[in-house]
N, C-alpha and C. Protein backbone atom coordinates (compact mmCIF):
# COMPACT_ATOMS: atom_id res chain seq x y z
N MET A 1 0.85 -1.20 0.11
CA MET A 1 -0.09 -0.15 0.08
C MET A 1 0.80 1.37 0.14
N PRO A 2 0.65 2.23 -0.88
CA PRO A 2 1.73 3.45 -0.92
C PRO A 2 1.41 4.10 0.21
N ARG A 3 2.67 4.98 0.52
CA ARG A 3 2.59 5.59 1.67
C ARG A 3 1.93 6.84 1.13
N ARG A 4 0.91 7.88 2.38
CA ARG A 4 0.19 8.85 2.07
C ARG A 4 1.14 9.83 1.82
N PRO A 5 0.89 11.00 1.36
CA PRO A 5 1.70 12.28 1.24
C PRO A 5 1.66 12.58 2.62
N ARG A 6 2.96 13.43 3.10
CA ARG A 6 2.97 14.41 4.02
C ARG A 6 2.09 15.30 4.00
N LEU A 7 1.68 15.81 5.36
CA LEU A 7 0.92 17.21 5.62
C LEU A 7 2.10 18.55 5.40
N GLU A 8 1.93 19.10 4.14
CA GLU A 8 2.85 19.94 3.77
C GLU A 8 2.14 21.33 3.10
N LEU A 9 2.33 22.25 3.61
CA LEU A 9 1.79 23.59 3.02
C LEU A 9 3.16 24.56 2.77
N PRO A 10 2.94 24.96 1.79
CA PRO A 10 4.16 26.20 1.43
C PRO A 10 4.10 27.25 2.58
N GLY A 11 5.48 27.38 2.90
CA GLY A 11 5.88 28.41 3.80
C GLY A 11 5.39 28.06 5.12
N SER A 12 4.71 27.32 5.78
CA SER A 12 4.51 26.54 6.97
C SER A 12 5.76 25.72 7.56
N ALA A 13 5.69 25.60 9.02
CA ALA A 13 6.71 25.29 9.39
C ALA A 13 6.32 23.55 9.89
N LEU A 14 7.63 22.98 9.69
CA LEU A 14 7.41 21.63 10.13
C LEU A 14 8.09 21.19 11.17
N HIS A 15 7.74 20.27 12.34
CA HIS A 15 8.60 19.64 13.25
C HIS A 15 8.86 18.13 12.69
N ILE A 16 10.29 17.74 12.52
CA ILE A 16 10.69 16.52 12.16
C ILE A 16 11.30 15.78 13.17
N THR A 17 11.29 14.60 13.03
CA THR A 17 11.94 13.78 14.21
C THR A 17 12.55 12.57 13.23
N HIS A 18 13.94 11.97 13.44
CA HIS A 18 14.41 10.71 12.76
C HIS A 18 15.05 10.16 13.79
N ARG A 19 14.65 8.62 13.91
CA ARG A 19 15.26 7.87 14.90
C ARG A 19 16.05 6.50 14.21
N GLY A 20 17.36 6.34 15.17
CA GLY A 20 17.94 5.03 14.44
C GLY A 20 17.38 3.76 14.49
N VAL A 21 17.48 3.06 13.94
CA VAL A 21 16.91 1.55 13.88
C VAL A 21 17.07 1.23 15.07
N ASN A 22 15.96 0.28 15.67
CA ASN A 22 15.68 -0.13 17.12
C ASN A 22 16.37 0.71 18.10
N ARG A 23 16.04 2.05 17.52
CA ARG A 23 16.79 2.90 18.81
C ARG A 23 17.99 3.06 19.19
N GLY A 24 18.64 2.35 17.93
CA GLY A 24 20.29 2.17 18.00
C GLY A 24 20.96 3.81 17.67
N ALA A 25 22.13 3.75 18.14
CA ALA A 25 22.99 4.86 17.97
C ALA A 25 23.31 5.44 16.37
N THR A 26 23.04 6.51 16.27
CA THR A 26 23.38 7.19 15.13
C THR A 26 24.43 7.89 14.95
N PHE A 27 24.71 8.26 16.20
CA PHE A 27 26.26 9.35 16.40
C PHE A 27 26.84 8.40 17.42
N ILE A 28 28.31 8.25 17.62
CA ILE A 28 28.95 7.69 18.27
C ILE A 28 30.31 8.33 18.98
N ASP A 29 31.00 9.17 18.29
CA ASP A 29 31.55 10.18 18.52
C ASP A 29 31.67 11.34 18.02
N ASP A 30 32.48 12.32 18.33
CA ASP A 30 32.19 13.96 17.89
C ASP A 30 32.36 13.94 16.27
N ASP A 31 33.46 13.09 15.74
CA ASP A 31 33.28 13.06 14.06
C ASP A 31 32.21 12.77 13.73
N ASP A 32 31.02 12.09 14.13
CA ASP A 32 29.77 11.65 13.48
C ASP A 32 29.12 13.02 13.42
N PHE A 33 28.80 13.52 14.83
CA PHE A 33 28.16 14.54 15.04
C PHE A 33 28.85 15.88 13.82
N ALA A 34 29.87 16.10 13.69
CA ALA A 34 30.33 17.22 12.84
C ALA A 34 30.25 16.68 11.68
N ARG A 35 30.17 15.49 11.04
CA ARG A 35 29.97 14.97 9.89
C ARG A 35 28.90 15.38 9.49
N TYR A 36 27.59 14.81 10.16
CA TYR A 36 26.46 14.59 10.01
C TYR A 36 25.76 16.45 9.73
N ARG A 37 26.56 17.24 10.95
CA ARG A 37 26.25 18.67 10.57
C ARG A 37 26.70 19.03 9.06
N GLN A 38 27.92 19.20 9.03
CA GLN A 38 28.05 19.67 7.53
C GLN A 38 27.59 19.05 6.47
N LEU A 39 26.97 17.87 6.72
CA LEU A 39 26.09 17.16 5.51
C LEU A 39 24.75 17.78 5.29
N LEU A 40 24.53 18.33 6.72
CA LEU A 40 23.12 18.71 6.88
C LEU A 40 22.88 20.18 6.18
N HIS A 41 23.87 20.83 6.41
CA HIS A 41 24.48 22.13 6.01
C HIS A 41 23.98 22.40 4.69
N ILE A 42 25.11 20.99 4.17
CA ILE A 42 24.92 21.04 2.07
C ILE A 42 23.53 20.79 1.67
N ALA A 43 22.97 19.70 2.47
CA ALA A 43 21.77 19.25 1.83
C ALA A 43 20.53 20.29 2.06
N PHE A 44 20.35 20.81 3.25
CA PHE A 44 19.31 21.97 3.35
C PHE A 44 19.64 23.20 2.77
N GLY A 45 20.91 23.41 2.39
CA GLY A 45 21.02 24.93 1.77
C GLY A 45 20.71 24.37 0.33
N ASP A 46 21.05 23.23 -0.16
CA ASP A 46 21.06 23.41 -1.76
C ASP A 46 19.35 23.47 -1.82
N ALA A 47 18.87 22.65 -0.72
CA ALA A 47 17.23 22.74 -1.13
C ALA A 47 16.58 23.88 -0.71
N GLY A 48 17.09 25.18 -0.05
CA GLY A 48 16.82 26.10 0.27
C GLY A 48 15.61 25.98 1.46
N ILE A 49 15.95 25.10 2.40
CA ILE A 49 15.29 24.79 3.68
C ILE A 49 15.73 25.64 4.73
N ALA A 50 14.88 26.23 5.54
CA ALA A 50 15.39 27.25 6.49
C ALA A 50 15.20 26.55 7.89
N LEU A 51 16.37 26.19 8.68
CA LEU A 51 16.40 25.51 9.76
C LEU A 51 16.42 26.53 10.89
N HIS A 52 15.33 26.41 11.79
CA HIS A 52 15.05 27.16 12.83
C HIS A 52 15.64 26.61 14.26
N ALA A 53 15.42 25.37 14.28
CA ALA A 53 15.96 24.90 15.63
C ALA A 53 16.33 23.40 15.33
N TYR A 54 17.38 23.11 16.05
CA TYR A 54 17.83 21.89 15.85
C TYR A 54 18.43 21.04 17.30
N VAL A 55 18.27 19.69 17.41
CA VAL A 55 19.58 19.14 18.35
C VAL A 55 19.77 17.52 17.76
N LEU A 56 21.05 17.29 17.89
CA LEU A 56 21.52 16.03 17.47
C LEU A 56 21.56 15.15 18.54
N MET A 57 20.67 14.18 18.91
CA MET A 57 20.61 13.13 20.19
C MET A 57 21.48 12.04 19.61
N THR A 58 21.82 11.14 20.43
CA THR A 58 22.96 10.15 20.10
C THR A 58 22.29 9.12 19.22
N ASN A 59 20.86 9.07 19.34
CA ASN A 59 20.06 8.01 18.46
C ASN A 59 19.07 8.78 17.55
N HIS A 60 18.67 9.67 17.56
CA HIS A 60 17.68 10.45 16.88
C HIS A 60 18.25 11.89 16.55
N VAL A 61 17.30 12.64 15.84
CA VAL A 61 17.66 14.35 15.74
C VAL A 61 16.17 14.74 16.02
N HIS A 62 15.79 15.94 16.11
CA HIS A 62 14.88 16.75 16.10
C HIS A 62 15.16 18.13 15.02
N PHE A 63 14.03 18.55 14.52
CA PHE A 63 14.42 19.87 13.34
C PHE A 63 13.08 20.58 13.62
N LEU A 64 13.31 21.80 13.81
CA LEU A 64 11.96 22.45 13.22
C LEU A 64 12.32 23.55 12.21
N LEU A 65 11.64 23.39 11.09
CA LEU A 65 12.10 24.19 9.78
C LEU A 65 11.25 24.68 8.80
N THR A 66 11.36 25.22 7.85
CA THR A 66 10.44 25.42 6.95
C THR A 66 11.09 25.31 5.34
N PRO A 67 10.46 24.30 4.83
CA PRO A 67 11.02 24.04 3.29
C PRO A 67 10.19 25.12 2.29
N PRO A 68 10.84 25.39 1.23
CA PRO A 68 10.23 26.54 0.10
C PRO A 68 9.10 25.88 -0.45
N ALA A 69 9.06 24.40 -0.51
CA ALA A 69 7.95 23.77 -1.09
C ALA A 69 7.60 22.46 -0.81
N PRO A 70 6.42 21.86 -0.85
CA PRO A 70 6.37 20.59 -0.48
C PRO A 70 7.07 19.63 -1.21
N GLY A 71 7.38 18.89 -0.74
CA GLY A 71 8.54 17.53 -1.65
C GLY A 71 10.06 17.59 -1.26
N CYS A 72 10.12 19.47 -1.06
CA CYS A 72 11.62 19.64 -0.77
C CYS A 72 12.71 18.91 0.49
N LEU A 73 11.81 18.86 1.40
CA LEU A 73 12.50 18.27 2.44
C LEU A 73 12.76 16.74 2.37
N SER A 74 11.89 15.99 1.62
CA SER A 74 11.77 14.86 1.60
C SER A 74 13.26 14.25 0.72
N ARG A 75 13.10 14.85 -0.23
CA ARG A 75 14.80 15.13 -1.37
C ARG A 75 15.71 15.30 -0.26
N ALA A 76 15.78 16.44 0.17
CA ALA A 76 16.92 16.89 1.12
C ALA A 76 17.26 15.60 2.24
N MET A 77 16.35 15.20 2.86
CA MET A 77 16.73 14.25 3.83
C MET A 77 17.17 12.72 3.00
N SER A 78 16.59 12.78 1.99
CA SER A 78 17.20 11.19 1.23
C SER A 78 18.77 11.60 0.86
N ARG A 79 18.83 12.80 0.45
CA ARG A 79 20.27 12.81 0.10
C ARG A 79 21.18 12.65 1.23
N LEU A 80 20.63 13.68 2.36
CA LEU A 80 21.61 13.43 3.72
C LEU A 80 21.76 12.06 4.07
N GLY A 81 20.77 11.34 4.05
CA GLY A 81 21.10 9.87 4.22
C GLY A 81 22.08 9.04 3.32
N GLN A 82 21.74 9.34 2.16
CA GLN A 82 22.58 8.67 1.30
C GLN A 82 24.14 8.92 1.30
N ARG A 83 24.83 10.36 1.99
CA ARG A 83 25.88 10.58 2.05
C ARG A 83 26.13 10.02 3.58
N TYR A 84 25.42 10.31 4.44
CA TYR A 84 25.78 10.01 6.01
C TYR A 84 26.00 8.66 6.02
N VAL A 85 24.86 7.68 6.05
CA VAL A 85 25.06 6.44 6.33
C VAL A 85 26.40 5.73 5.72
N PRO A 86 26.68 5.83 4.71
CA PRO A 86 27.64 5.05 4.29
C PRO A 86 29.29 5.33 4.82
N TRP A 87 29.14 6.69 5.38
CA TRP A 87 30.33 7.35 6.01
C TRP A 87 30.08 6.71 7.25
N PHE A 88 28.97 6.83 8.09
CA PHE A 88 28.93 6.30 9.26
C PHE A 88 29.37 4.67 9.48
N ASN A 89 29.00 4.04 8.39
CA ASN A 89 29.44 2.34 8.33
C ASN A 89 30.58 2.36 8.20
N HIS A 90 31.12 3.20 7.20
CA HIS A 90 32.68 3.00 7.08
C HIS A 90 33.45 3.26 8.28
N GLN A 91 32.97 4.25 8.97
CA GLN A 91 34.01 4.63 10.25
C GLN A 91 33.68 3.89 11.25
N HIS A 92 32.67 3.16 11.40
CA HIS A 92 32.22 2.19 12.70
C HIS A 92 32.61 0.53 12.25
N ARG A 93 32.62 0.27 10.80
CA ARG A 93 32.89 -0.84 10.64
C ARG A 93 31.55 -1.69 10.54
N ARG A 94 30.18 -1.40 10.35
CA ARG A 94 29.12 -1.81 10.17
C ARG A 94 28.57 -2.07 8.74
N THR A 95 27.40 -2.66 8.55
CA THR A 95 26.72 -2.43 7.44
C THR A 95 25.49 -2.15 7.68
N GLY A 96 24.60 -2.26 6.68
CA GLY A 96 22.93 -2.06 6.85
C GLY A 96 22.67 -0.73 6.86
N THR A 97 21.27 -0.76 7.19
CA THR A 97 20.54 0.66 7.58
C THR A 97 20.91 1.07 8.78
N LEU A 98 20.70 2.69 8.87
CA LEU A 98 20.85 3.22 10.14
C LEU A 98 19.81 3.87 10.82
N TRP A 99 18.74 4.20 9.99
CA TRP A 99 17.51 4.98 10.52
C TRP A 99 16.55 4.24 10.38
N GLU A 100 15.63 4.42 11.02
CA GLU A 100 14.09 3.40 11.42
C GLU A 100 13.29 4.21 10.29
N GLY A 101 13.22 3.51 9.35
CA GLY A 101 12.19 4.04 8.06
C GLY A 101 12.25 5.46 7.97
N ARG A 102 11.49 5.92 7.17
CA ARG A 102 11.39 7.58 6.87
C ARG A 102 11.00 8.29 8.18
N PHE A 103 11.54 9.73 8.16
CA PHE A 103 11.34 10.25 9.19
C PHE A 103 9.77 10.70 9.61
N LYS A 104 9.34 11.20 10.35
CA LYS A 104 8.34 11.57 11.24
C LYS A 104 8.12 13.18 10.74
N SER A 105 6.98 13.75 10.51
CA SER A 105 6.97 14.99 10.45
C SER A 105 5.38 15.70 10.92
N CYS A 106 5.33 16.85 11.24
CA CYS A 106 4.09 17.36 11.72
C CYS A 106 4.47 18.96 11.40
N LEU A 107 3.05 19.24 10.91
CA LEU A 107 2.88 21.02 10.73
C LEU A 107 2.52 21.45 11.69
N VAL A 108 3.56 22.94 12.19
CA VAL A 108 3.36 23.67 13.25
C VAL A 108 2.61 25.06 12.99
N ASP A 109 1.88 25.13 13.95
CA ASP A 109 1.07 26.83 13.48
C ASP A 109 2.11 27.70 14.18
N THR A 110 2.05 28.93 13.75
CA THR A 110 3.18 29.53 13.96
C THR A 110 3.06 30.33 15.17
N SER A 111 1.78 30.43 15.61
CA SER A 111 0.76 31.22 16.71
C SER A 111 1.16 30.46 17.93
N GLY A 112 2.07 30.87 18.69
CA GLY A 112 2.44 30.19 19.83
C GLY A 112 2.86 28.77 20.00
N TYR A 113 2.61 27.96 19.15
CA TYR A 113 2.83 26.81 18.90
C TYR A 113 4.57 26.49 18.61
N LEU A 114 4.87 27.30 17.57
CA LEU A 114 6.32 27.20 17.28
C LEU A 114 7.12 27.49 18.32
N ALA A 115 6.73 28.36 19.02
CA ALA A 115 7.68 28.43 20.44
C ALA A 115 7.73 27.25 21.15
N ARG A 116 6.68 26.78 21.32
CA ARG A 116 6.74 25.54 22.04
C ARG A 116 7.42 24.10 21.70
N VAL A 117 7.25 24.20 20.11
CA VAL A 117 8.53 23.02 19.80
C VAL A 117 9.81 23.35 19.62
N HIS A 118 10.09 25.10 19.53
CA HIS A 118 11.35 25.43 19.47
C HIS A 118 11.92 24.85 20.71
N ARG A 119 11.07 25.11 21.82
CA ARG A 119 11.66 25.00 23.28
C ARG A 119 11.75 23.35 23.84
N TYR A 120 10.82 22.47 23.13
CA TYR A 120 10.98 21.23 23.47
C TYR A 120 12.10 20.28 22.37
N ILE A 121 12.56 21.33 21.50
CA ILE A 121 13.77 20.65 20.90
C ILE A 121 15.11 20.85 21.47
N GLU A 122 14.91 22.09 21.99
CA GLU A 122 16.16 22.42 22.73
C GLU A 122 16.46 22.06 24.07
N LEU A 123 15.68 21.80 24.61
CA LEU A 123 15.37 21.01 26.18
C LEU A 123 15.48 19.40 26.01
N ASN A 124 15.37 19.06 24.57
CA ASN A 124 15.80 17.66 24.44
C ASN A 124 16.90 16.88 25.53
N PRO A 125 18.10 17.34 25.35
CA PRO A 125 18.90 16.73 26.27
C PRO A 125 18.74 16.98 27.90
N VAL A 126 18.35 17.77 28.39
CA VAL A 126 17.80 18.06 29.64
C VAL A 126 17.33 17.28 30.09
N ARG A 127 15.47 16.84 28.96
CA ARG A 127 15.10 15.71 29.39
C ARG A 127 15.37 14.15 29.42
N ALA A 128 16.59 14.19 28.62
CA ALA A 128 16.96 12.71 28.63
C ALA A 128 18.37 12.81 29.64
N ALA A 129 18.43 13.74 30.55
CA ALA A 129 19.23 13.74 31.87
C ALA A 129 21.01 13.65 31.21
N MET A 130 20.95 14.17 30.23
CA MET A 130 22.63 14.24 29.56
C MET A 130 23.07 15.48 30.23
N VAL A 131 22.55 16.52 30.32
CA VAL A 131 23.03 17.83 31.01
C VAL A 131 22.05 18.66 31.71
N ASP A 132 22.30 19.34 32.58
CA ASP A 132 21.53 19.93 33.33
C ASP A 132 21.18 21.50 32.90
N ALA A 133 21.55 21.94 31.91
CA ALA A 133 21.22 22.93 31.17
C ALA A 133 21.26 23.07 29.45
N PRO A 134 20.39 23.27 28.90
CA PRO A 134 20.64 23.02 27.57
C PRO A 134 21.82 23.78 27.04
N GLU A 135 22.22 24.73 27.19
CA GLU A 135 23.62 25.37 26.70
C GLU A 135 24.65 24.65 27.03
N ARG A 136 24.53 23.47 27.59
CA ARG A 136 25.68 22.78 28.36
C ARG A 136 25.73 21.45 27.03
N TYR A 137 24.90 21.38 26.30
CA TYR A 137 24.91 20.28 25.27
C TYR A 137 25.18 20.90 23.74
N ARG A 138 26.53 20.52 23.23
CA ARG A 138 26.96 21.07 22.36
C ARG A 138 26.14 20.99 20.69
N TRP A 139 25.56 19.82 20.50
CA TRP A 139 25.06 19.70 19.34
C TRP A 139 23.79 19.98 19.16
N SER A 140 23.28 21.43 19.16
CA SER A 140 21.87 22.03 19.12
C SER A 140 22.12 23.50 18.71
N SER A 141 20.87 23.94 18.18
CA SER A 141 20.56 25.11 17.94
C SER A 141 20.77 26.37 19.03
N VAL A 142 20.71 25.63 19.97
CA VAL A 142 20.70 26.63 21.63
C VAL A 142 21.73 27.60 21.56
N HIS A 143 22.68 27.24 21.08
CA HIS A 143 24.01 28.21 21.10
C HIS A 143 23.68 29.76 20.19
N ALA A 144 23.37 29.20 19.15
CA ALA A 144 22.90 30.62 18.38
C ALA A 144 21.76 31.33 18.68
N ASN A 145 20.90 30.56 19.28
CA ASN A 145 19.40 31.38 19.68
C ASN A 145 19.71 32.09 20.85
N LEU A 146 20.84 32.05 21.71
CA LEU A 146 21.12 32.29 23.05
C LEU A 146 22.07 33.48 22.96
N GLY A 147 22.42 33.56 21.51
CA GLY A 147 23.65 34.68 21.10
C GLY A 147 24.68 34.30 21.53
N ALA A 148 25.11 33.39 21.91
CA ALA A 148 26.50 33.06 22.06
C ALA A 148 27.52 32.37 20.99
N CYS A 149 26.91 32.08 19.77
CA CYS A 149 27.81 32.04 18.67
C CYS A 149 27.05 32.30 17.14
N LYS A 150 27.70 32.07 16.40
CA LYS A 150 26.93 32.23 15.10
C LYS A 150 26.94 30.88 14.43
N ASP A 151 25.88 30.19 14.34
CA ASP A 151 25.78 28.97 13.25
C ASP A 151 25.11 28.98 12.24
N PRO A 152 26.00 28.39 11.10
CA PRO A 152 25.52 28.56 9.69
C PRO A 152 24.30 27.99 9.43
N LEU A 153 24.02 26.90 10.20
CA LEU A 153 22.47 26.13 10.09
C LEU A 153 21.51 26.72 10.32
N VAL A 154 21.45 27.81 11.03
CA VAL A 154 20.65 28.32 11.90
C VAL A 154 19.87 29.60 11.13
N THR A 155 18.58 29.49 10.68
CA THR A 155 17.70 30.81 10.16
C THR A 155 16.64 30.87 11.07
N PRO A 156 16.60 31.92 11.75
CA PRO A 156 15.47 32.05 12.68
C PRO A 156 14.42 32.63 11.87
N HIS A 157 13.24 31.81 12.47
CA HIS A 157 11.76 32.05 11.97
C HIS A 157 11.71 33.45 12.06
N PRO A 158 10.69 34.17 10.99
CA PRO A 158 10.40 35.67 11.11
C PRO A 158 9.36 35.58 12.28
N ALA A 159 8.64 34.93 12.73
CA ALA A 159 7.53 34.76 14.00
C ALA A 159 8.62 35.18 15.32
N TYR A 160 10.17 34.22 15.36
CA TYR A 160 10.96 34.23 16.27
C TYR A 160 11.47 35.72 16.35
N LEU A 161 11.81 36.35 15.33
CA LEU A 161 12.49 37.62 15.14
C LEU A 161 11.47 38.81 15.32
N GLY A 162 10.13 38.62 14.81
CA GLY A 162 9.38 39.49 15.22
C GLY A 162 8.66 39.67 16.72
N ALA A 163 8.94 38.58 17.49
CA ALA A 163 8.53 38.86 18.87
C ALA A 163 9.31 40.11 19.69
N ILE A 164 10.77 40.01 19.22
CA ILE A 164 11.76 40.97 20.00
C ILE A 164 12.77 41.24 19.04
N SER A 165 12.46 42.70 18.70
CA SER A 165 13.41 43.14 17.37
C SER A 165 14.92 43.03 17.91
N ASP A 166 15.30 43.73 19.13
CA ASP A 166 16.64 43.73 19.70
C ASP A 166 17.31 42.31 19.98
N PRO A 167 18.52 42.06 19.45
CA PRO A 167 18.92 40.61 19.57
C PRO A 167 19.51 40.16 20.76
N ASP A 168 19.96 40.98 21.75
CA ASP A 168 20.16 41.07 23.34
C ASP A 168 19.23 40.66 23.83
N LEU A 169 18.00 41.86 23.68
CA LEU A 169 16.90 41.25 24.42
C LEU A 169 15.79 39.75 23.89
N ARG A 170 15.91 39.49 22.89
CA ARG A 170 15.56 38.31 22.40
C ARG A 170 16.38 37.08 22.85
N ALA A 171 17.93 37.22 23.01
CA ALA A 171 18.34 35.93 23.45
C ALA A 171 18.21 35.89 24.96
N LEU A 172 18.00 37.11 25.71
CA LEU A 172 17.77 37.00 26.94
C LEU A 172 16.05 36.24 27.13
N SER A 173 15.42 36.68 26.48
CA SER A 173 14.02 35.94 26.56
C SER A 173 13.99 34.65 26.43
N HIS A 174 14.55 34.20 25.13
CA HIS A 174 14.74 32.91 24.92
C HIS A 174 15.29 32.11 25.96
N ARG A 175 16.31 32.48 26.89
CA ARG A 175 16.73 31.89 28.05
C ARG A 175 15.95 31.64 28.85
N GLN A 176 15.45 32.64 29.22
CA GLN A 176 13.91 32.82 30.49
C GLN A 176 12.99 31.91 30.13
N TRP A 177 12.62 31.75 28.56
CA TRP A 177 11.70 30.68 27.81
C TRP A 177 12.11 29.12 28.27
N LEU A 178 13.32 29.11 28.19
CA LEU A 178 13.93 27.90 28.17
C LEU A 178 13.66 27.51 29.82
N GLN A 179 14.37 28.22 30.48
CA GLN A 179 14.53 28.07 31.86
C GLN A 179 12.92 27.61 32.54
N GLU A 180 11.86 28.34 32.08
CA GLU A 180 10.49 28.07 32.49
C GLU A 180 9.94 26.50 32.25
N GLY A 181 10.76 25.77 31.26
CA GLY A 181 10.72 24.32 31.13
C GLY A 181 9.51 24.26 30.35
N ILE A 182 8.99 22.90 30.26
CA ILE A 182 7.85 23.00 29.05
C ILE A 182 6.84 21.83 29.90
N SER A 183 5.32 22.29 29.84
CA SER A 183 4.43 21.59 30.41
C SER A 183 4.19 20.38 30.16
N GLU A 184 3.47 19.20 31.12
CA GLU A 184 3.14 17.91 30.88
C GLU A 184 2.35 18.05 29.39
N ASP A 185 1.37 18.99 29.58
CA ASP A 185 0.29 19.13 28.63
C ASP A 185 0.91 19.51 27.09
N ASP A 186 2.05 20.26 27.29
CA ASP A 186 2.83 20.61 25.83
C ASP A 186 3.83 19.52 25.43
N LEU A 187 4.05 18.56 26.31
CA LEU A 187 5.10 17.30 25.83
C LEU A 187 3.96 16.19 25.42
N ALA A 188 2.86 16.21 25.89
CA ALA A 188 1.81 15.30 25.37
C ALA A 188 1.41 15.60 23.87
N ALA A 189 0.99 16.73 23.89
CA ALA A 189 0.31 17.27 22.41
C ALA A 189 1.28 17.32 21.34
N ILE A 190 2.69 17.60 21.77
CA ILE A 190 3.53 17.59 20.85
C ILE A 190 4.07 16.21 20.27
N ARG A 191 4.12 15.29 21.28
CA ARG A 191 4.50 13.68 21.07
C ARG A 191 3.35 13.28 20.10
N ALA A 192 2.11 13.46 20.49
CA ALA A 192 1.13 12.80 19.83
C ALA A 192 0.75 13.18 18.48
N HIS A 193 1.00 14.69 18.24
CA HIS A 193 0.72 14.82 16.75
C HIS A 193 2.03 14.54 16.12
N MET A 194 3.14 14.45 16.46
CA MET A 194 4.32 13.91 15.92
C MET A 194 4.08 12.44 15.35
N GLN A 195 3.42 11.57 16.66
CA GLN A 195 3.42 10.24 16.60
C GLN A 195 2.37 10.07 15.22
N GLN A 196 1.41 10.74 15.30
CA GLN A 196 0.47 10.69 14.18
C GLN A 196 0.73 11.21 12.79
N GLU A 197 1.58 12.32 13.02
CA GLU A 197 2.10 13.16 12.04
C GLU A 197 0.95 14.13 11.34
N ARG A 198 0.41 14.76 12.59
CA ARG A 198 -0.79 15.58 12.14
C ARG A 198 -0.37 17.14 12.21
N ALA A 199 -1.41 18.30 12.55
CA ALA A 199 -1.06 19.49 12.43
C ALA A 199 -0.94 19.97 13.82
N LEU A 200 -0.19 20.59 14.65
CA LEU A 200 -0.06 20.59 15.70
C LEU A 200 -0.23 22.28 15.97
N GLY A 201 -1.75 22.95 16.23
CA GLY A 201 -1.85 24.25 16.46
C GLY A 201 -3.04 24.42 16.82
N SER A 202 -3.91 25.42 16.74
CA SER A 202 -5.23 25.86 16.77
C SER A 202 -6.25 25.07 16.22
N LEU A 203 -7.66 25.27 16.77
CA LEU A 203 -8.54 24.60 15.98
C LEU A 203 -8.77 25.33 14.48
N ARG A 204 -8.48 26.66 14.49
CA ARG A 204 -8.54 27.09 13.17
C ARG A 204 -7.42 26.70 12.25
N PHE A 205 -5.96 26.90 12.85
CA PHE A 205 -5.21 26.28 11.83
C PHE A 205 -5.24 24.79 11.56
N GLN A 206 -5.84 23.83 12.22
CA GLN A 206 -6.44 22.38 12.07
C GLN A 206 -7.22 22.30 10.88
N SER A 207 -8.08 23.31 11.23
CA SER A 207 -9.39 23.52 10.05
C SER A 207 -8.91 23.68 8.75
N MET A 208 -8.04 24.91 8.67
CA MET A 208 -7.43 25.28 7.24
C MET A 208 -6.34 24.12 6.85
N VAL A 209 -5.76 23.38 7.63
CA VAL A 209 -5.29 22.25 6.82
C VAL A 209 -5.99 21.19 6.41
N GLU A 210 -6.84 21.02 7.03
CA GLU A 210 -8.16 19.95 6.37
C GLU A 210 -8.89 20.37 5.37
N LYS A 211 -9.24 21.71 5.26
CA LYS A 211 -9.72 22.18 3.82
C LYS A 211 -8.90 22.35 2.72
N THR A 212 -7.39 22.60 3.16
CA THR A 212 -6.42 22.87 1.88
C THR A 212 -6.45 21.74 1.48
N LEU A 213 -5.92 20.43 2.28
CA LEU A 213 -5.37 19.49 1.85
C LEU A 213 -6.32 18.21 1.45
N ASN A 214 -7.43 18.46 2.23
CA ASN A 214 -8.58 17.58 2.31
C ASN A 214 -7.96 16.07 2.94
N ARG A 215 -7.39 16.41 4.16
CA ARG A 215 -6.77 15.13 4.73
C ARG A 215 -7.06 15.64 6.33
N PRO A 216 -7.20 14.38 6.94
CA PRO A 216 -7.21 14.58 8.52
C PRO A 216 -5.99 15.84 9.18
N ALA A 217 -6.51 16.58 10.00
CA ALA A 217 -4.87 17.34 10.57
C ALA A 217 -5.30 16.98 12.02
N THR A 218 -6.30 16.55 12.76
CA THR A 218 -5.99 16.53 14.42
C THR A 218 -5.76 15.13 14.65
N VAL A 219 -5.48 14.99 15.84
CA VAL A 219 -4.98 13.50 16.44
C VAL A 219 -6.05 12.69 16.85
N ARG A 220 -6.29 11.52 16.29
CA ARG A 220 -7.47 10.61 16.61
C ARG A 220 -7.17 9.44 17.99
N PRO A 221 -8.09 9.48 18.57
CA PRO A 221 -8.01 8.44 19.70
C PRO A 221 -7.52 7.06 19.26
N ARG A 222 -6.47 6.59 19.90
CA ARG A 222 -6.02 5.34 20.00
C ARG A 222 -7.19 4.04 19.76
N GLY A 223 -6.98 3.19 18.94
CA GLY A 223 -7.83 1.91 18.72
C GLY A 223 -9.26 2.14 18.05
N ARG A 224 -9.80 1.28 17.98
CA ARG A 224 -11.09 1.48 17.18
C ARG A 224 -12.07 2.24 17.90
N PRO A 225 -13.39 2.78 17.04
CA PRO A 225 -14.14 3.66 17.77
C PRO A 225 -15.13 2.82 18.08
N PRO A 226 -16.28 3.42 19.40
CA PRO A 226 -16.74 2.49 20.01
C PRO A 226 -17.86 2.18 18.75
N LEU A 227 -18.80 0.89 19.37
CA LEU A 227 -19.59 0.22 18.45
C LEU A 227 -20.64 1.01 17.86
N ALA A 228 -21.08 2.31 18.24
CA ALA A 228 -22.13 3.06 17.99
C ALA A 228 -21.58 3.99 16.80
N GLU A 229 -20.41 4.26 16.81
CA GLU A 229 -19.74 5.28 16.12
C GLU A 229 -19.46 4.20 14.68
N ARG A 230 -18.95 2.75 14.70
CA ARG A 230 -18.65 2.00 13.69
C ARG A 230 -19.94 1.80 12.97
N ARG A 231 -21.19 1.74 13.52
CA ARG A 231 -22.62 1.28 12.68
C ARG A 231 -22.89 2.70 12.06
N GLU A 232 -22.22 3.99 12.82
CA GLU A 232 -22.83 4.90 11.79
C GLU A 232 -22.04 5.43 10.68
N ILE A 233 -20.66 4.50 10.58
CA ILE A 233 -19.88 4.90 9.68
C ILE A 233 -20.36 4.26 8.19
């Protein structure tokens, strides 16, 4: 059965994640992380994809990005994998696949929800108990977004730039936003929408996505519907 196309809209941000097969390691040492970043920069740059936030964990990655057109992201991720996996296999004397199927993606509403996903991504190493503060993790967009360095991978989203015009105040606000942490409700919503590859946002945003793409955009309950509902279908 052919896979359904992703939920993609021109100019709309996406949260994507890609995990190692069987949750195995996709990065073992600093050379792996550095090589992946280099190839990521090339693949996204060639495709014109704006990367707003990212984190490279030991067995998965998270990106918040905006592709220029539907389909661009899939081609860029395919090119990235075709270059990184053979290099990783050669470095670590292994064979076979590295990533667990195709990456997952979720449309993100810019009205409030984009900032929550941004924070979710950069706090990933803290939730994994790898560090006690996001800026202590090296392989993340947090350093650029806190104004600590220039990262050629990062292109701030217009909504992020528009919230506060002064770069220093924006970095301070971002630091405070990270320190607030993320609520359990936001965690659950982000994970559920990613798992089902739906549209994370307001009801108005989800309705717009459904009407535009003629596809479901909201998270559906797990399991079969109740008997009464099945009889009505």
